C-alpha atoms as a PDB file:
ATOM      1  CA  UNK A   1      -0.150   0.280  -0.066  1.00  0.00           C
ATOM      2  CA  UNK A   2       0.985   3.289  -0.759  1.00  0.00           C
ATOM      3  CA  UNK A   3       1.154   6.671   0.787  1.00  0.00           C
ATOM      4  CA  UNK A   4       1.313   9.793  -0.137  1.00  0.00           C
ATOM      5  CA  UNK A   5       3.719  12.470   1.761  1.00  0.00           C
ATOM      6  CA  UNK A   6       3.664  15.975   0.683  1.00  0.00           C
ATOM      7  CA  UNK A   7       6.972  17.954   1.712  1.00  0.00           C
ATOM      8  CA  UNK A   8       8.388  21.451   1.448  1.00  0.00           C
ATOM      9  CA  UNK A   9      11.821  21.198   0.007  1.00  0.00           C
ATOM     10  CA  UNK A  10      14.010  24.745   0.013  1.00  0.00           C
ATOM     11  CA  UNK A  11      15.719  26.646  -2.444  1.00  0.00           C
ATOM     12  CA  UNK A  12      18.150  24.945  -4.977  1.00  0.00           C
ATOM     13  CA  UNK A  13      21.971  25.125  -4.563  1.00  0.00           C
ATOM     14  CA  UNK A  14      24.677  26.261  -6.980  1.00  0.00           C
ATOM     15  CA  UNK A  15      27.406  24.088  -7.641  1.00  0.00           C
ATOM     16  CA  UNK A  16      29.726  26.971  -5.416  1.00  0.00           C
ATOM     17  CA  UNK A  17      27.016  26.015  -2.524  1.00  0.00           C
ATOM     18  CA  UNK A  18      25.217  29.186  -2.713  1.00  0.00           C
ATOM     19  CA  UNK A  19      21.569  28.950  -2.478  1.00  0.00           C
ATOM     20  CA  UNK A  20      18.869  30.347  -5.211  1.00  0.00           C
ATOM     21  CA  UNK A  21      16.134  31.667  -4.481  1.00  0.00           C
ATOM     22  CA  UNK A  22      14.515  31.056  -0.843  1.00  0.00           C
ATOM     23  CA  UNK A  23      10.857  30.159  -2.088  1.00  0.00           C
ATOM     24  CA  UNK A  24      10.084  26.271  -1.210  1.00  0.00           C
ATOM     25  CA  UNK A  25       8.600  23.851  -2.788  1.00  0.00           C
ATOM     26  CA  UNK A  26       6.271  21.306  -2.807  1.00  0.00           C
ATOM     27  CA  UNK A  27       7.419  17.872  -3.328  1.00  0.00           C
ATOM     28  CA  UNK A  28       5.238  14.785  -3.492  1.00  0.00           C
ATOM     29  CA  UNK A  29       7.252  11.927  -1.992  1.00  0.00           C
ATOM     30  CA  UNK A  30       5.557   8.451  -2.300  1.00  0.00           C
ATOM     31  CA  UNK A  31       6.247   5.695   0.224  1.00  0.00           C
ATOM     32  CA  UNK A  32       5.658   1.895   0.597  1.00  0.00           C
ATOM     33  CA  UNK A  33       7.208  -0.719   2.001  1.00  0.00           C
ATOM     34  CA  UNK A  34       9.798  -1.371  -0.298  1.00  0.00           C
ATOM     35  CA  UNK A  35      11.374   2.369  -0.296  1.00  0.00           C
ATOM     36  CA  UNK A  36      10.613   5.372  -0.950  1.00  0.00           C
ATOM     37  CA  UNK A  37      10.766   7.532  -4.481  1.00  0.00           C
ATOM     38  CA  UNK A  38       9.963  11.111  -5.057  1.00  0.00           C
ATOM     39  CA  UNK A  39       7.992  12.458  -7.686  1.00  0.00           C
ATOM     40  CA  UNK A  40       8.645  15.695  -8.054  1.00  0.00           C
ATOM     41  CA  UNK A  41       6.656  19.302  -8.616  1.00  0.00           C
ATOM     42  CA  UNK A  42       4.199  18.652 -11.002  1.00  0.00           C
ATOM     43  CA  UNK A  43       4.218  15.346 -11.692  1.00  0.00           C
ATOM     44  CA  UNK A  44       1.485  12.830 -10.858  1.00  0.00           C
ATOM     45  CA  UNK A  45       2.298   9.564  -9.404  1.00  0.00           C
ATOM     46  CA  UNK A  46       0.654   6.846 -11.683  1.00  0.00           C
ATOM     47  CA  UNK A  47       1.232   7.795 -15.028  1.00  0.00           C
ATOM     48  CA  UNK A  48       1.923   6.353 -18.092  1.00  0.00           C
ATOM     49  CA  UNK A  49       5.074   4.240 -17.156  1.00  0.00           C
ATOM     50  CA  UNK A  50       5.777   4.378 -21.135  1.00  0.00           C
ATOM     51  CA  UNK A  51       5.891   8.063 -22.244  1.00  0.00           C
ATOM     52  CA  UNK A  52       3.309   8.369 -25.008  1.00  0.00           C
ATOM     53  CA  UNK A  53       2.484   5.087 -26.416  1.00  0.00           C
ATOM     54  CA  UNK A  54      -0.215   6.325 -28.334  1.00  0.00           C
ATOM     55  CA  UNK A  55       2.009   8.304 -30.142  1.00  0.00           C
ATOM     56  CA  UNK A  56       4.348   5.245 -31.020  1.00  0.00           C
ATOM     57  CA  UNK A  57       1.398   2.999 -31.715  1.00  0.00           C
ATOM     58  CA  UNK A  58       0.321   5.211 -34.471  1.00  0.00           C
ATOM     59  CA  UNK A  59       3.777   5.457 -36.181  1.00  0.00           C
ATOM     60  CA  UNK A  60       3.916   1.646 -35.607  1.00  0.00           C
ATOM     61  CA  UNK A  61       0.618   1.287 -37.274  1.00  0.00           C
ATOM     62  CA  UNK A  62       2.118   3.466 -40.540  1.00  0.00           C
ATOM     63  CA  UNK A  63       5.092   1.561 -41.136  1.00  0.00           C
ATOM     64  CA  UNK A  64       3.032  -1.566 -41.201  1.00  0.00           C
ATOM     65  CA  UNK A  65       1.102   0.366 -43.877  1.00  0.00           C
ATOM     66  CA  UNK A  66       4.104   1.242 -45.722  1.00  0.00           C
ATOM     67  CA  UNK A  67       5.934  -2.212 -45.163  1.00  0.00           C
ATOM     68  CA  UNK A  68       1.911  -3.565 -46.415  1.00  0.00           C
ATOM     69  CA  UNK A  69       2.677  -1.595 -49.720  1.00  0.00           C
ATOM     70  CA  UNK A  70       5.854  -2.419 -50.376  1.00  0.00           C
ATOM     71  CA  UNK A  71       5.228  -5.967 -49.830  1.00  0.00           C
ATOM     72  CA  UNK A  72       2.767  -5.795 -52.320  1.00  0.00           C
ATOM     73  CA  UNK A  73       5.001  -4.548 -54.693  1.00  0.00           C
ATOM     74  CA  UNK A  74       7.944  -6.698 -54.192  1.00  0.00           C
ATOM     75  CA  UNK A  75       5.298 -10.026 -54.612  1.00  0.00           C
ATOM     76  CA  UNK A  76       3.992  -8.854 -58.162  1.00  0.00           C
ATOM     77  CA  UNK A  77       7.782  -8.081 -59.254  1.00  0.00           C
ATOM     78  CA  UNK A  78       8.693 -11.365 -58.176  1.00  0.00           C
ATOM     79  CA  UNK A  79       5.272 -12.692 -59.575  1.00  0.00           C
ATOM     80  CA  UNK A  80       6.732 -11.329 -62.952  1.00  0.00           C
ATOM     81  CA  UNK A  81      10.290 -12.149 -62.334  1.00  0.00           C
ATOM     82  CA  UNK A  82      11.799 -15.373 -64.351  1.00  0.00           C
ATOM     83  CA  UNK A  83      14.976 -17.382 -63.521  1.00  0.00           C
ATOM     84  CA  UNK A  84      16.832 -20.346 -65.326  1.00  0.00           C
ATOM     85  CA  UNK A  85      18.118 -23.239 -63.814  1.00  0.00           C
ATOM     86  CA  UNK A  86      20.228 -25.710 -65.540  1.00  0.00           C
ATOM     87  CA  UNK A  87      21.233 -29.089 -64.895  1.00  0.00           C
ATOM     88  CA  UNK A  88      25.071 -29.679 -64.104  1.00  0.00           C
ATOM     89  CA  UNK A  89      26.022 -30.252 -67.923  1.00  0.00           C
ATOM     90  CA  UNK A  90      23.299 -27.856 -68.960  1.00  0.00           C
ATOM     91  CA  UNK A  91      21.486 -30.212 -71.142  1.00  0.00           C
ATOM     92  CA  UNK A  92      17.945 -29.174 -69.243  1.00  0.00           C
ATOM     93  CA  UNK A  93      16.943 -25.692 -68.740  1.00  0.00           C
ATOM     94  CA  UNK A  94      13.745 -25.311 -66.695  1.00  0.00           C
ATOM     95  CA  UNK A  95      12.249 -21.802 -65.593  1.00  0.00           C
ATOM     96  CA  UNK A  96      10.634 -20.954 -62.710  1.00  0.00           C
ATOM     97  CA  UNK A  97       8.742 -17.489 -61.456  1.00  0.00           C
ATOM     98  CA  UNK A  98       9.578 -15.386 -58.295  1.00  0.00           C
ATOM     99  CA  UNK A  99       6.490 -17.260 -57.051  1.00  0.00           C
ATOM    100  CA  UNK A 100       8.445 -20.977 -57.696  1.00  0.00           C
ATOM    101  CA  UNK A 101       5.866 -21.349 -60.035  1.00  0.00           C
ATOM    102  CA  UNK A 102       7.375 -23.559 -63.568  1.00  0.00           C
ATOM    103  CA  UNK A 103       7.263 -21.510 -66.529  1.00  0.00           C
ATOM    104  CA  UNK A 104       8.788 -24.046 -69.125  1.00  0.00           C
ATOM    105  CA  UNK A 105      11.257 -26.538 -68.874  1.00  0.00           C
ATOM    106  CA  UNK A 106      13.625 -27.420 -72.486  1.00  0.00           C
ATOM    107  CA  UNK A 107      15.463 -30.335 -72.936  1.00  0.00           C
ATOM    108  CA  UNK A 108      17.932 -31.303 -75.326  1.00  0.00           C
ATOM    109  CA  UNK A 109      18.296 -34.430 -77.570  1.00  0.00           C
ATOM    110  CA  UNK A 110      21.390 -35.765 -75.612  1.00  0.00           C
ATOM    111  CA  UNK A 111      19.449 -35.446 -72.058  1.00  0.00           C
ATOM    112  CA  UNK A 112      16.600 -37.865 -73.739  1.00  0.00           C
ATOM    113  CA  UNK A 113      19.612 -39.915 -74.638  1.00  0.00           C
ATOM    114  CA  UNK A 114      20.864 -40.428 -71.051  1.00  0.00           C
ATOM    115  CA  UNK A 115      17.558 -42.608 -70.680  1.00  0.00           C
ATOM    116  CA  UNK A 116      14.941 -41.803 -68.308  1.00  0.00           C
ATOM    117  CA  UNK A 117      16.400 -42.581 -64.974  1.00  0.00           C
ATOM    118  CA  UNK A 118      19.205 -39.539 -65.776  1.00  0.00           C
ATOM    119  CA  UNK A 119      16.422 -37.232 -67.579  1.00  0.00           C
ATOM    120  CA  UNK A 120      14.837 -37.342 -64.041  1.00  0.00           C
ATOM    121  CA  UNK A 121      17.923 -36.210 -62.285  1.00  0.00           C
ATOM    122  CA  UNK A 122      19.189 -33.720 -64.834  1.00  0.00           C
ATOM    123  CA  UNK A 123      15.187 -32.163 -64.447  1.00  0.00           C
ATOM    124  CA  UNK A 124      15.439 -32.221 -60.653  1.00  0.00           C
ATOM    125  CA  UNK A 125      18.907 -30.708 -60.865  1.00  0.00           C
ATOM    126  CA  UNK A 126      17.663 -27.976 -63.192  1.00  0.00           C
ATOM    127  CA  UNK A 127      14.846 -27.184 -61.010  1.00  0.00           C
ATOM    128  CA  UNK A 128      16.762 -27.044 -57.921  1.00  0.00           C
ATOM    129  CA  UNK A 129      18.425 -24.167 -59.427  1.00  0.00           C
ATOM    130  CA  UNK A 130      15.805 -22.358 -60.706  1.00  0.00           C
ATOM    131  CA  UNK A 131      14.520 -22.684 -57.631  1.00  0.00           C
ATOM    132  CA  UNK A 132      17.557 -21.724 -55.244  1.00  0.00           C
ATOM    133  CA  UNK A 133      18.168 -17.976 -57.621  1.00  0.00           C
ATOM    134  CA  UNK A 134      14.401 -17.545 -57.094  1.00  0.00           C
ATOM    135  CA  UNK A 135      14.455 -17.926 -53.164  1.00  0.00           C
ATOM    136  CA  UNK A 136      17.914 -15.768 -53.335  1.00  0.00           C
ATOM    137  CA  UNK A 137      16.508 -12.808 -55.414  1.00  0.00           C
ATOM    138  CA  UNK A 138      13.758 -12.650 -52.990  1.00  0.00           C
ATOM    139  CA  UNK A 139      15.813 -12.176 -50.054  1.00  0.00           C
ATOM    140  CA  UNK A 140      17.635 -10.082 -51.034  1.00  0.00           C
ATOM    141  CA  UNK A 141      15.106  -8.014 -52.175  1.00  0.00           C
ATOM    142  CA  UNK A 142      13.210  -8.144 -48.818  1.00  0.00           C
ATOM    143  CA  UNK A 143      16.747  -7.149 -47.269  1.00  0.00           C
ATOM    144  CA  UNK A 144      17.014  -4.306 -49.519  1.00  0.00           C
ATOM    145  CA  UNK A 145      13.081  -3.339 -48.515  1.00  0.00           C
ATOM    146  CA  UNK A 146      14.338  -3.408 -44.841  1.00  0.00           C
ATOM    147  CA  UNK A 147      16.802  -1.264 -45.150  1.00  0.00           C
ATOM    148  CA  UNK A 148      15.256   1.285 -47.325  1.00  0.00           C
ATOM    149  CA  UNK A 149      12.516   1.338 -44.736  1.00  0.00           C
ATOM    150  CA  UNK A 150      14.930   1.620 -41.829  1.00  0.00           C
ATOM    151  CA  UNK A 151      14.227  -1.732 -40.046  1.00  0.00           C
ATOM    152  CA  UNK A 152      16.553  -3.691 -38.516  1.00  0.00           C
ATOM    153  CA  UNK A 153      18.472  -6.315 -41.014  1.00  0.00           C
ATOM    154  CA  UNK A 154      17.564 -10.267 -39.866  1.00  0.00           C
ATOM    155  CA  UNK A 155      21.119 -12.298 -40.249  1.00  0.00           C
ATOM    156  CA  UNK A 156      19.305 -15.341 -40.989  1.00  0.00           C
ATOM    157  CA  UNK A 157      18.043 -13.853 -43.977  1.00  0.00           C
END
């Protein structure tokens, strides 16, 4: 349980030890079981310990709105972008969108002549290559977006 006591305090001292104006100030002292702390004149006890939280929340909401608009732009850019992936011997080419949707696959006669099992492996290699390029491009684009908005960088990205 807190109790409030108003105390009259004398004028302030200067660095040379002289007293300034002699008028008294009322200082509010709040005491509790854990100790006491002083609330300076004119301050209210029990105020918002987080300062102007309403203003902070407003700024946060504005930042979220900007981020959402920019994220939609990035998604649209990535949807229109195309990424090529190749097999190790470059006999198979796979094209993916930035959303990892398949756009095309080109297979050379040399890849067909290696047999069905080998051809499956070559297609898988090409797909993985295109997918990796797409994911890397998205991560880079999001890093650039975050830095342009002044947001902290995620070290895992």
